Protein backbone atom coordinates (compact mmCIF):
# COMPACT_ATOMS: atom_id res chain seq x y z
CA MET A 1 -101.44 -15.72 13.44
CA LYS A 2 -97.74 -15.78 13.77
CA SER A 3 -95.99 -13.46 15.84
CA LYS A 4 -93.00 -11.31 14.36
CA LYS A 5 -89.51 -12.21 15.48
CA GLN A 6 -88.26 -9.70 17.91
CA GLN A 7 -85.11 -7.63 16.54
CA PRO A 8 -82.17 -7.20 18.74
CA ARG A 9 -82.14 -3.83 20.36
CA ARG A 10 -79.23 -1.46 19.26
CA SER A 11 -77.54 1.01 21.21
CA LYS A 12 -78.76 4.52 20.48
CA ASN A 13 -74.88 5.44 19.79
CA TRP A 14 -73.95 2.16 17.60
CA LYS A 15 -73.28 4.42 14.70
CA LEU A 16 -71.00 6.74 16.82
CA TRP A 17 -69.17 3.97 18.17
CA ALA A 18 -68.85 2.23 14.60
CA GLY A 19 -67.23 5.48 13.42
CA ILE A 20 -64.73 5.71 16.16
CA PHE A 21 -63.64 2.06 15.71
CA ALA A 22 -63.08 2.67 11.89
CA LEU A 23 -60.91 5.76 12.51
CA ILE A 24 -58.81 3.93 15.19
CA SER A 25 -58.16 1.04 12.72
CA ALA A 26 -57.50 3.55 9.58
CA GLY A 27 -54.84 5.34 11.80
CA SER A 28 -53.14 2.10 12.89
CA ILE A 29 -52.59 0.90 9.21
CA ILE A 30 -51.49 4.45 8.29
CA ALA A 31 -48.86 4.72 11.15
CA THR A 32 -47.81 1.35 10.46
CA THR A 33 -47.22 1.82 6.59
CA VAL A 34 -45.43 5.28 7.26
CA SER A 35 -43.15 3.61 9.59
CA LEU A 36 -42.05 0.74 7.34
CA VAL A 37 -41.70 3.34 4.49
CA SER A 38 -39.64 5.20 6.63
CA CYS A 39 -37.42 2.32 7.70
CA GLY A 40 -37.14 1.16 4.27
CA THR A 41 -35.86 4.67 3.09
CA ASN A 42 -33.17 4.79 5.78
CA ASN A 43 -31.78 1.50 5.18
CA ARG A 44 -31.41 2.41 1.19
CA SER A 45 -29.63 5.69 2.04
CA GLU A 46 -27.04 4.40 4.43
CA VAL A 47 -23.36 4.86 3.42
CA ILE A 48 -20.65 3.24 5.38
CA LYS A 49 -17.66 5.77 5.77
CA THR A 50 -14.29 4.81 5.89
CA ASP A 51 -11.50 7.26 7.31
CA LEU A 52 -8.30 7.58 5.17
CA ALA A 53 -6.34 8.09 8.21
CA ASP A 54 -7.44 4.35 9.35
CA LEU A 55 -5.93 2.50 6.46
CA ASN A 56 -2.20 2.51 7.14
CA LEU A 57 -1.59 4.07 3.71
CA GLU A 58 1.98 4.85 2.19
CA ALA A 59 2.06 8.64 2.33
CA THR A 60 5.35 9.12 0.66
CA VAL A 61 5.53 9.24 -3.27
CA ALA A 62 8.16 10.08 -5.93
CA VAL A 63 7.18 11.65 -9.01
CA ASP A 64 8.87 14.12 -11.87
CA LEU A 65 9.96 17.30 -10.63
CA SER A 66 7.29 18.71 -13.01
CA ALA A 67 4.56 16.75 -11.60
CA THR A 68 0.91 18.14 -11.06
CA PRO A 69 -1.21 17.64 -8.16
CA GLU A 70 -3.39 15.08 -10.11
CA GLU A 71 -0.08 13.11 -10.99
CA VAL A 72 1.10 12.90 -7.50
CA PHE A 73 -2.43 11.64 -6.49
CA GLN A 74 -2.29 8.93 -9.11
CA ALA A 75 1.17 7.95 -7.73
CA PHE A 76 -0.21 7.87 -4.26
CA LEU A 77 -3.26 5.22 -5.71
CA ASP A 78 -0.64 3.15 -7.69
CA LYS A 79 1.48 2.85 -4.35
CA ASN A 80 -1.40 1.77 -2.36
CA GLN A 81 -3.18 -0.35 -5.03
CA SER A 82 -3.33 -3.37 -2.75
CA ILE A 83 -5.30 -1.52 -0.27
CA LEU A 84 -7.51 0.84 -1.97
CA ASP A 85 -8.03 -1.65 -5.20
CA ASN A 86 -9.47 1.22 -7.35
CA THR A 87 -12.04 2.27 -4.80
CA LEU A 88 -10.75 5.89 -4.31
CA THR A 89 -10.86 8.25 -7.33
CA LEU A 90 -10.31 12.00 -8.03
CA ASP A 91 -14.23 12.26 -7.82
CA HIS A 92 -13.99 11.50 -4.00
CA VAL A 93 -11.49 14.05 -2.96
CA GLU A 94 -10.22 17.57 -3.21
CA LEU A 95 -6.58 18.17 -3.40
CA SER A 96 -5.02 21.29 -1.64
CA ASP A 97 -1.74 22.83 -0.42
CA PHE A 98 0.53 21.51 -3.07
CA GLN A 99 4.08 22.22 -2.85
CA ALA A 100 6.17 20.83 -5.44
CA SER A 101 9.58 18.84 -4.47
CA GLU A 102 12.85 20.66 -5.09
CA TYR A 103 16.63 19.38 -5.19
CA LEU A 104 16.93 19.43 -1.64
CA LYS A 105 13.27 19.98 -0.32
CA ASN A 106 10.46 17.77 -0.14
CA GLY A 107 7.18 18.53 -1.44
CA SER A 108 3.52 17.91 0.08
CA LEU A 109 -0.10 17.37 -1.07
CA MET A 110 -3.32 17.24 1.21
CA ILE A 111 -5.94 15.06 0.31
CA ASN A 112 -9.32 15.70 1.51
CA ALA A 113 -12.32 13.30 1.28
CA LYS A 114 -15.06 15.47 -0.04
CA LYS A 115 -17.91 15.91 2.37
CA VAL A 116 -20.80 14.80 0.66
CA PRO A 117 -23.47 12.17 1.97
CA THR A 118 -22.90 9.88 -0.97
CA ASN A 119 -19.26 9.65 -0.26
CA LYS A 120 -17.67 6.67 1.42
CA TRP A 121 -14.52 8.19 2.19
CA THR A 122 -14.16 10.58 4.87
CA GLY A 123 -11.02 12.36 6.74
CA THR A 124 -7.68 13.59 5.36
CA ILE A 125 -4.13 12.59 4.62
CA GLN A 126 -0.98 14.42 3.78
CA LEU A 127 1.50 13.13 1.32
CA ALA A 128 5.42 13.65 1.35
CA VAL A 129 6.66 14.31 -2.27
CA LYS A 130 9.99 13.08 -3.52
CA TYR A 131 11.43 13.62 -6.87
CA ILE A 132 12.82 10.52 -9.22
CA LEU A 133 16.30 10.73 -9.99
CA HIS A 134 17.43 9.20 -13.06
CA GLU A 135 20.08 9.29 -15.54
CA LYS A 136 18.86 12.11 -17.67
CA ASN A 137 18.23 14.71 -14.75
CA PHE A 138 21.50 13.66 -12.59
CA PRO A 139 23.64 16.13 -14.47
CA ASP A 140 21.20 19.07 -13.70
CA PHE A 141 20.64 17.67 -10.07
CA LEU A 142 24.41 17.55 -9.23
CA GLY A 143 25.30 20.81 -11.41
CA TYR A 144 22.65 22.80 -9.43
CA LEU A 145 24.13 21.73 -6.18
CA SER A 146 27.72 22.44 -7.42
CA ASP A 147 26.90 25.83 -8.85
CA ASN A 148 25.18 26.97 -5.64
CA ASP A 149 27.78 25.79 -3.25
CA LEU A 150 25.42 23.08 -2.08
CA LEU A 151 27.87 19.99 -2.56
CA LYS A 152 29.05 20.11 1.14
CA PHE A 153 29.78 17.02 3.35
CA GLU A 154 30.36 16.67 6.85
CA ILE A 155 32.95 14.07 8.10
CA PRO A 156 33.50 13.02 11.80
CA ALA A 157 36.78 13.81 12.95
CA GLY A 158 38.97 10.62 13.60
CA THR A 159 37.53 8.69 10.72
CA ILE A 160 39.71 9.53 7.84
CA THR A 161 42.76 7.11 6.75
CA SER A 162 43.24 8.29 3.20
CA LEU A 163 42.40 11.08 1.02
CA GLY A 164 40.36 8.82 -0.89
CA ASN A 165 37.96 8.60 2.04
CA LEU A 166 36.39 11.95 0.98
CA VAL A 167 35.08 10.45 -2.46
CA GLU A 168 33.58 7.39 -0.57
CA VAL A 169 31.89 10.05 1.64
CA PHE A 170 30.48 11.72 -1.73
CA LYS A 171 29.25 8.36 -2.74
CA GLU A 172 27.74 7.31 0.30
CA THR A 173 25.76 10.57 0.77
CA LEU A 174 24.45 10.40 -2.77
CA ASN A 175 23.14 6.85 -2.25
CA ASN A 176 21.88 7.27 1.38
CA LYS A 177 21.47 10.54 3.24
CA MET A 178 20.31 12.60 0.28
CA LYS A 179 17.61 10.00 -0.74
CA GLN A 180 15.48 11.62 1.89
CA TYR A 181 14.63 13.83 -1.10
CA TYR A 182 14.70 11.71 -4.07
CA GLU A 183 14.21 8.12 -5.12
CA TYR A 184 16.11 6.28 -8.05
CA GLU A 185 14.40 5.53 -11.08
CA SER A 186 13.26 1.72 -10.71
CA ASN A 187 16.10 0.44 -12.99
CA ILE A 188 18.86 2.35 -11.30
CA THR A 189 20.73 0.15 -8.48
CA GLU A 190 23.62 2.64 -7.39
CA ILE A 191 25.71 5.82 -8.32
CA ARG A 192 29.34 5.43 -8.01
CA VAL A 193 32.32 7.91 -8.30
CA LYS A 194 34.31 5.66 -11.00
CA LYS A 195 37.33 8.01 -11.39
CA TRP A 196 38.53 11.13 -9.96
CA ALA A 197 41.02 13.94 -10.02
CA TRP A 198 41.37 16.39 -6.99
CA ASN A 199 42.86 19.42 -8.93
CA PHE A 200 43.82 21.26 -5.87
CA PRO A 201 43.91 25.03 -6.69
CA LYS A 202 47.06 26.71 -7.28
CA GLY A 203 48.97 27.49 -4.01
CA ILE A 204 46.68 24.92 -2.04
CA GLU A 205 48.75 21.90 -0.51
CA ARG A 206 47.23 18.39 -0.35
CA PRO A 207 46.12 17.96 3.29
CA SER A 208 47.76 15.61 5.44
CA ILE A 209 45.93 12.70 7.27
CA GLU A 210 46.25 14.91 10.68
CA ASP A 211 44.57 17.78 8.80
CA LEU A 212 41.55 15.56 7.72
CA ASN A 213 41.02 14.57 11.23
CA THR A 214 41.21 18.11 12.76
CA LYS A 215 37.89 19.59 13.61
CA GLY A 216 36.92 22.73 11.64
CA TYR A 217 39.11 21.84 8.70
CA THR A 218 37.83 22.10 5.32
CA VAL A 219 38.84 20.73 1.88
CA HIS A 220 37.35 23.03 -1.02
CA LEU A 221 37.83 21.83 -4.66
CA PRO A 222 36.16 24.17 -6.86
CA ARG A 223 37.06 21.86 -9.89
CA PHE A 224 36.92 18.54 -8.51
CA ARG A 225 36.76 16.22 -11.47
CA GLY A 226 34.31 13.17 -10.87
CA VAL A 227 33.47 10.51 -13.28
CA PHE A 228 30.00 9.06 -11.97
CA ALA A 229 28.80 5.66 -12.97
CA ILE A 230 25.09 4.99 -12.81
CA ASP A 231 24.61 1.15 -12.34
CA HIS A 232 21.37 -0.25 -13.92
CA ARG A 233 19.58 -3.43 -13.00
CA ASP A 234 19.68 -4.49 -16.83
CA GLY A 235 23.24 -4.17 -16.70
CA HIS A 236 24.24 -1.13 -18.59
CA LEU A 237 26.08 1.72 -17.38
CA THR A 238 25.92 5.43 -17.77
CA LYS A 239 29.17 7.47 -17.23
CA ILE A 240 28.81 11.50 -16.48
CA ASP A 241 32.30 13.04 -16.55
CA LYS A 242 32.62 16.78 -15.30
CA HIS A 243 34.11 19.36 -12.77
CA TRP A 244 32.25 20.09 -9.46
CA ASN A 245 32.50 22.32 -6.87
CA VAL A 246 32.98 20.33 -3.64
CA TYR A 247 33.48 21.06 0.06
CA TRP A 248 34.41 18.75 2.77
CA THR A 249 34.55 19.79 6.52
CA ILE A 250 35.70 17.94 9.40
CA VAL A 251 33.31 18.14 12.30
């Protein structure tokens, strides 16, 4: 009679150990899966931020005197097209603290990147706002200064050799110093005083060269006639012929 093959003996606790092993294995898989999903989610939601202040952007723009904040912002985008390349839009920013430009005062505008997780832009940039001077608003511009006693020019003592130097100072101020407030329309190259007549008030004598080099001396001509010529790149010329209220003071 054949004897039965002897079965290997099992520990009384084999079922307990098998259950523990199964739980450990399952826990490792779950932990690994969660870790992978978590890493994948972080990679997908990451947004690289760019600070507006780090891009060396042009922050001075020229617009019409009646421009809105949105139009000023668009002028800023146009001026920095080569850097921004249409990647910054009005949806990314908030515009605040807008001050419109005036004849003798620059305006300003704050551009603030919206603080939302999906916005690639961050930071703030402040714009200085000039206005565009062209042949249509030039008479109003000069007329405003004339009517409000603002056509005042200072000349260093010892620099005047003829009365005509006063007109040169007028022209140079328009084309240089006062351009801190405006920029010429792109087609304008220069504004000149083509002709003039002094029209000294009754009882006022023409000043001598000595007078014109004396500190504190002032020439006030309330009806100085100046024919201004606006030169354009395309060759045409615009003339504006009016009387102006002008002061020249020797300093």
